[in-house]
Amino acid sequence: MKSMEISDIDEMILKLPEEKIHEVRDYVGYLIEKEKKRKAFEERVLKAEKEPGIICNSVEEAMDAIFNAPDDDEG
């Protein structure tokens, strides 16, 4: 299924002028970056949920805990 969709997209892209192809490329890059950020955020949320002793009384406190948590490479 996925390869058929990619083939369909490839065929459509070939019909576009070069300027539009660049726009499609930029948009796909944007979507990839957005997906990376979503996955990284999801991983941080799941990691924060596993931390013992962290209690958040509001969404704001939970968001602060997620964003202020040390990264894996920070130790």
N, C-alpha and C. Protein backbone atom coordinates (compact mmCIF):
# COMPACT_ATOMS: atom_id res chain seq x y z
N MET A 1 0.83 -1.20 0.00
CA MET A 1 0.00 0.00 0.00
C MET A 1 0.87 1.25 0.00
N LYS A 2 1.85 1.29 0.91
CA LYS A 2 2.68 2.48 1.03
C LYS A 2 3.48 2.73 -0.25
N SER A 3 4.02 1.67 -0.85
CA SER A 3 4.82 1.85 -2.06
C SER A 3 3.95 2.33 -3.23
N MET A 4 2.68 1.93 -3.26
CA MET A 4 1.78 2.42 -4.30
C MET A 4 1.54 3.91 -4.13
N GLU A 5 1.37 4.34 -2.90
CA GLU A 5 1.15 5.76 -2.64
C GLU A 5 2.38 6.57 -3.03
N ILE A 6 3.56 6.04 -2.73
CA ILE A 6 4.79 6.74 -3.10
C ILE A 6 4.92 6.81 -4.61
N SER A 7 4.58 5.76 -5.29
CA SER A 7 4.62 5.76 -6.76
C SER A 7 3.66 6.80 -7.32
N ASP A 8 2.48 6.88 -6.74
CA ASP A 8 1.50 7.88 -7.18
C ASP A 8 2.05 9.29 -6.99
N ILE A 9 2.67 9.52 -5.85
CA ILE A 9 3.24 10.83 -5.56
C ILE A 9 4.36 11.14 -6.54
N ASP A 10 5.22 10.15 -6.79
CA ASP A 10 6.31 10.34 -7.75
C ASP A 10 5.78 10.77 -9.11
N GLU A 11 4.73 10.11 -9.57
CA GLU A 11 4.14 10.44 -10.87
C GLU A 11 3.57 11.86 -10.87
N MET A 12 2.94 12.25 -9.80
CA MET A 12 2.38 13.60 -9.72
C MET A 12 3.48 14.65 -9.71
N ILE A 13 4.54 14.38 -8.96
CA ILE A 13 5.64 15.34 -8.85
C ILE A 13 6.29 15.58 -10.20
N LEU A 14 6.40 14.54 -11.00
CA LEU A 14 7.01 14.68 -12.32
C LEU A 14 6.26 15.66 -13.22
N LYS A 15 5.00 15.89 -12.92
CA LYS A 15 4.18 16.80 -13.73
C LYS A 15 4.29 18.25 -13.28
N LEU A 16 4.99 18.50 -12.18
CA LEU A 16 5.09 19.85 -11.64
C LEU A 16 6.27 20.61 -12.24
N PRO A 17 6.14 21.94 -12.31
CA PRO A 17 7.31 22.74 -12.71
C PRO A 17 8.36 22.70 -11.59
N GLU A 18 9.60 23.00 -11.96
CA GLU A 18 10.72 22.88 -11.02
C GLU A 18 10.50 23.69 -9.75
N GLU A 19 9.95 24.87 -9.86
CA GLU A 19 9.70 25.72 -8.68
C GLU A 19 8.78 25.02 -7.68
N LYS A 20 7.75 24.38 -8.19
CA LYS A 20 6.81 23.67 -7.32
C LYS A 20 7.45 22.42 -6.70
N ILE A 21 8.35 21.79 -7.43
CA ILE A 21 9.06 20.64 -6.88
C ILE A 21 9.88 21.06 -5.67
N HIS A 22 10.51 22.23 -5.75
CA HIS A 22 11.27 22.75 -4.61
C HIS A 22 10.35 23.02 -3.42
N GLU A 23 9.16 23.53 -3.70
CA GLU A 23 8.20 23.77 -2.62
C GLU A 23 7.77 22.47 -1.96
N VAL A 24 7.55 21.45 -2.78
CA VAL A 24 7.16 20.14 -2.23
C VAL A 24 8.29 19.60 -1.37
N ARG A 25 9.53 19.72 -1.85
CA ARG A 25 10.69 19.26 -1.09
C ARG A 25 10.80 19.98 0.25
N ASP A 26 10.62 21.29 0.24
CA ASP A 26 10.68 22.06 1.48
C ASP A 26 9.57 21.64 2.44
N TYR A 27 8.38 21.40 1.91
CA TYR A 27 7.26 21.00 2.76
C TYR A 27 7.49 19.61 3.37
N VAL A 28 8.02 18.69 2.57
CA VAL A 28 8.32 17.36 3.09
C VAL A 28 9.37 17.46 4.19
N GLY A 29 10.37 18.30 3.99
CA GLY A 29 11.39 18.52 5.02
C GLY A 29 10.77 19.06 6.30
N TYR A 30 9.83 19.98 6.15
CA TYR A 30 9.11 20.53 7.30
C TYR A 30 8.34 19.43 8.04
N LEU A 31 7.65 18.56 7.29
CA LEU A 31 6.90 17.47 7.91
C LEU A 31 7.82 16.50 8.64
N ILE A 32 8.98 16.22 8.06
CA ILE A 32 9.93 15.31 8.71
C ILE A 32 10.42 15.92 10.02
N GLU A 33 10.76 17.20 10.00
CA GLU A 33 11.24 17.86 11.22
C GLU A 33 10.15 17.90 12.29
N LYS A 34 8.92 18.16 11.86
CA LYS A 34 7.80 18.19 12.80
C LYS A 34 7.59 16.81 13.44
N GLU A 35 7.73 15.75 12.66
CA GLU A 35 7.57 14.39 13.17
C GLU A 35 8.70 14.05 14.15
N LYS A 36 9.92 14.49 13.85
CA LYS A 36 11.04 14.26 14.78
C LYS A 36 10.77 14.92 16.12
N LYS A 37 10.29 16.16 16.07
CA LYS A 37 10.00 16.90 17.31
C LYS A 37 8.88 16.22 18.09
N ARG A 38 7.86 15.73 17.38
CA ARG A 38 6.75 15.05 18.05
C ARG A 38 7.24 13.79 18.74
N LYS A 39 8.07 13.02 18.06
CA LYS A 39 8.59 11.79 18.65
C LYS A 39 9.47 12.09 19.86
N ALA A 40 10.31 13.11 19.75
CA ALA A 40 11.18 13.48 20.87
C ALA A 40 10.33 13.92 22.08
N PHE A 41 9.28 14.69 21.83
CA PHE A 41 8.40 15.13 22.91
C PHE A 41 7.69 13.93 23.54
N GLU A 42 7.22 13.02 22.70
CA GLU A 42 6.54 11.83 23.20
C GLU A 42 7.49 11.00 24.08
N GLU A 43 8.72 10.85 23.66
CA GLU A 43 9.70 10.10 24.46
C GLU A 43 9.94 10.77 25.81
N ARG A 44 10.00 12.10 25.81
CA ARG A 44 10.21 12.82 27.07
C ARG A 44 9.01 12.66 28.00
N VAL A 45 7.82 12.68 27.44
CA VAL A 45 6.62 12.49 28.25
C VAL A 45 6.62 11.09 28.86
N LEU A 46 6.90 10.08 28.05
CA LEU A 46 6.92 8.71 28.56
C LEU A 46 8.00 8.53 29.62
N LYS A 47 9.14 9.17 29.42
CA LYS A 47 10.22 9.10 30.41
C LYS A 47 9.79 9.78 31.71
N ALA A 48 9.14 10.92 31.60
CA ALA A 48 8.69 11.64 32.80
C ALA A 48 7.64 10.84 33.56
N GLU A 49 6.78 10.12 32.84
CA GLU A 49 5.76 9.30 33.50
C GLU A 49 6.38 8.19 34.34
N LYS A 50 7.55 7.71 33.93
CA LYS A 50 8.20 6.61 34.64
C LYS A 50 8.99 7.07 35.86
N GLU A 51 9.24 8.37 35.98
CA GLU A 51 10.03 8.88 37.10
C GLU A 51 9.24 8.78 38.40
N PRO A 52 9.83 8.12 39.39
CA PRO A 52 9.13 8.02 40.68
C PRO A 52 9.21 9.34 41.44
N GLY A 53 8.18 9.63 42.16
CA GLY A 53 8.18 10.79 43.04
C GLY A 53 7.86 12.11 42.39
N ILE A 54 7.61 12.13 41.11
CA ILE A 54 7.24 13.39 40.46
C ILE A 54 5.73 13.51 40.50
N ILE A 55 5.28 14.58 41.15
CA ILE A 55 3.84 14.83 41.25
C ILE A 55 3.57 16.20 40.65
N CYS A 56 2.66 16.25 39.72
CA CYS A 56 2.28 17.51 39.09
C CYS A 56 0.82 17.77 39.40
N ASN A 57 0.57 19.00 39.84
CA ASN A 57 -0.79 19.37 40.21
C ASN A 57 -1.53 20.12 39.11
N SER A 58 -0.84 20.37 38.01
CA SER A 58 -1.49 21.07 36.89
C SER A 58 -0.78 20.69 35.59
N VAL A 59 -1.41 21.03 34.50
CA VAL A 59 -0.81 20.80 33.20
C VAL A 59 0.48 21.61 33.07
N GLU A 60 0.46 22.84 33.58
CA GLU A 60 1.63 23.68 33.50
C GLU A 60 2.81 23.05 34.23
N GLU A 61 2.58 22.49 35.41
CA GLU A 61 3.65 21.83 36.15
C GLU A 61 4.16 20.61 35.39
N ALA A 62 3.28 19.88 34.78
CA ALA A 62 3.68 18.71 34.00
C ALA A 62 4.54 19.13 32.80
N MET A 63 4.11 20.17 32.11
CA MET A 63 4.87 20.66 30.96
C MET A 63 6.25 21.17 31.40
N ASP A 64 6.30 21.88 32.51
CA ASP A 64 7.60 22.35 33.02
C ASP A 64 8.50 21.17 33.34
N ALA A 65 7.96 20.13 33.95
CA ALA A 65 8.75 18.95 34.29
C ALA A 65 9.28 18.26 33.04
N ILE A 66 8.47 18.20 32.00
CA ILE A 66 8.88 17.56 30.75
C ILE A 66 9.97 18.38 30.08
N PHE A 67 9.76 19.68 29.95
CA PHE A 67 10.71 20.52 29.24
C PHE A 67 12.00 20.75 30.03
N ASN A 68 11.95 20.67 31.35
CA ASN A 68 13.14 20.90 32.16
C ASN A 68 13.87 19.62 32.54
N ALA A 69 13.35 18.48 32.09
CA ALA A 69 14.01 17.21 32.39
C ALA A 69 15.35 17.17 31.66
N PRO A 70 16.37 16.61 32.29
CA PRO A 70 17.67 16.52 31.60
C PRO A 70 17.58 15.57 30.41
N ASP A 71 18.29 15.92 29.35
CA ASP A 71 18.36 15.05 28.18
C ASP A 71 19.18 13.82 28.53
N ASP A 72 19.00 12.76 27.76
CA ASP A 72 19.75 11.53 27.99
C ASP A 72 21.26 11.76 27.91
N ASP A 73 21.69 12.65 27.03
CA ASP A 73 23.13 12.88 26.86
C ASP A 73 23.70 13.83 27.92
N GLU A 74 22.85 14.38 28.78
CA GLU A 74 23.31 15.28 29.84
C GLU A 74 23.65 14.52 31.11
N GLY A 75 23.34 13.26 31.18
CA GLY A 75 23.73 12.47 32.33
C GLY A 75 22.58 12.09 33.15
